Structure formats: C-alpha cells, structure tokens
C-alpha cells in the first residue's frame, strides 16, 4: 500500500485516559477528547515532516477509516496531525 500526495495511513492506538490525580476516565469521557493517538504506517509521497512509525496525535474528526487486507486503518492528511511524539 502506498498513499499519494499528503495522505497518511495510520493505525489508531487505544489509550487509557487518566486525570492528573490518577482517576481513570470512562469510555464516554474519553470519547469527548478531540484528539486521538496513532502510529504512522505509511506516509504519502508529498509528506515531508512525518515518517513511518512516528507516534502522532491527530484530530479524531478528520479522515476516514477503511479496511486494507482485512485490517482497519485510518487515512488522514498531513495537516490533520497536531503533534509528533
């Protein structure tokens, strides 16, 4: 699989959400968060800053999910990435 232009293929990472005091957030509270964490599987031909295997935070409302070889992947654009870890 090879994305073109500014598209990025990512695998979403489900993370446990905690408050600063150590309390776990419920799934409903966690779903209220605007950003999600993911790992870059493959970057597009015109993506310059983000590389394969980078961990990122991206806007969860961006992009779309599709099945590639029976695995769900999220496709976003480079501009949807907020932070590279």
Protein backbone atom coordinates (compact mmCIF):
# COMPACT_ATOMS: atom_id res chain seq x y z
CA UNK A 1 0.00 0.00 0.00
CA UNK A 2 1.34 3.40 -0.93
CA UNK A 3 -0.56 6.61 -0.19
CA UNK A 4 -0.10 9.53 -2.53
CA UNK A 5 0.23 13.28 -2.02
CA UNK A 6 -0.31 14.50 1.58
CA UNK A 7 -2.22 11.41 2.80
CA UNK A 8 -1.00 9.35 5.76
CA UNK A 9 -2.08 5.83 6.73
CA UNK A 10 -2.20 5.33 10.49
CA UNK A 11 -3.16 2.66 12.98
CA UNK A 12 -5.15 4.10 15.88
CA UNK A 13 -3.80 3.44 19.38
CA UNK A 14 -6.41 2.91 22.07
CA UNK A 15 -5.07 4.53 25.18
CA UNK A 16 -6.21 4.60 28.77
CA UNK A 17 -7.16 8.14 29.83
CA UNK A 18 -6.26 9.36 33.32
CA UNK A 19 -6.77 12.68 35.04
CA UNK A 20 -3.84 14.46 36.67
CA UNK A 21 -4.93 12.98 40.01
CA UNK A 22 -4.79 9.45 38.58
CA UNK A 23 -8.51 8.76 38.07
CA UNK A 24 -9.39 6.72 35.01
CA UNK A 25 -11.83 8.34 32.61
CA UNK A 26 -14.82 6.37 31.41
CA UNK A 27 -15.10 5.44 27.74
CA UNK A 28 -17.76 8.13 27.39
CA UNK A 29 -15.48 10.80 28.90
CA UNK A 30 -12.54 9.66 26.78
CA UNK A 31 -14.68 9.90 23.64
CA UNK A 32 -15.19 13.59 24.43
CA UNK A 33 -11.47 14.23 23.82
CA UNK A 34 -10.85 15.90 20.48
CA UNK A 35 -7.53 14.24 19.67
CA UNK A 36 -6.54 10.60 19.22
CA UNK A 37 -3.21 8.86 19.20
CA UNK A 38 -1.92 6.81 16.29
CA UNK A 39 1.15 5.25 14.72
CA UNK A 40 2.10 6.15 11.16
CA UNK A 41 2.12 3.06 8.96
CA UNK A 42 2.97 4.81 5.69
CA UNK A 43 3.26 8.47 4.68
CA UNK A 44 2.28 9.86 1.29
CA UNK A 45 4.65 10.90 -1.48
CA UNK A 46 4.46 14.62 -0.60
CA UNK A 47 4.68 14.32 3.21
CA UNK A 48 7.95 15.83 4.41
CA UNK A 49 7.95 16.01 8.24
CA UNK A 50 6.21 12.80 9.33
CA UNK A 51 7.92 9.42 8.89
CA UNK A 52 6.89 5.76 9.15
CA UNK A 53 6.47 4.52 12.76
CA UNK A 54 6.12 8.05 14.19
CA UNK A 55 3.61 8.33 17.04
CA UNK A 56 1.21 11.20 16.47
CA UNK A 57 -1.86 12.92 17.85
CA UNK A 58 -4.46 13.86 15.24
CA UNK A 59 -7.91 15.41 15.11
CA UNK A 60 -10.31 12.48 15.59
CA UNK A 61 -12.91 14.14 13.34
CA UNK A 62 -10.50 14.13 10.41
CA UNK A 63 -10.01 11.47 7.79
CA UNK A 64 -11.79 8.18 7.32
CA UNK A 65 -11.32 4.51 8.17
CA UNK A 66 -11.02 1.75 5.61
CA UNK A 67 -10.18 -1.94 5.53
CA UNK A 68 -6.89 -2.80 3.87
CA UNK A 69 -6.10 -6.53 3.80
CA UNK A 70 -8.86 -7.05 6.44
CA UNK A 71 -7.24 -4.59 8.89
CA UNK A 72 -8.84 -1.23 9.77
CA UNK A 73 -6.60 1.78 9.04
CA UNK A 74 -7.33 5.48 9.32
CA UNK A 75 -6.40 7.75 6.43
CA UNK A 76 -5.71 11.40 7.29
CA UNK A 77 -3.87 14.31 5.70
CA UNK A 78 -0.64 15.80 6.97
CA UNK A 79 -2.49 18.93 8.08
CA UNK A 80 -4.65 16.83 10.48
CA UNK A 81 -1.58 15.95 12.59
CA UNK A 82 -1.33 18.07 15.73
CA UNK A 83 1.75 16.61 17.48
CA UNK A 84 4.54 14.19 16.54
CA UNK A 85 5.94 12.40 19.62
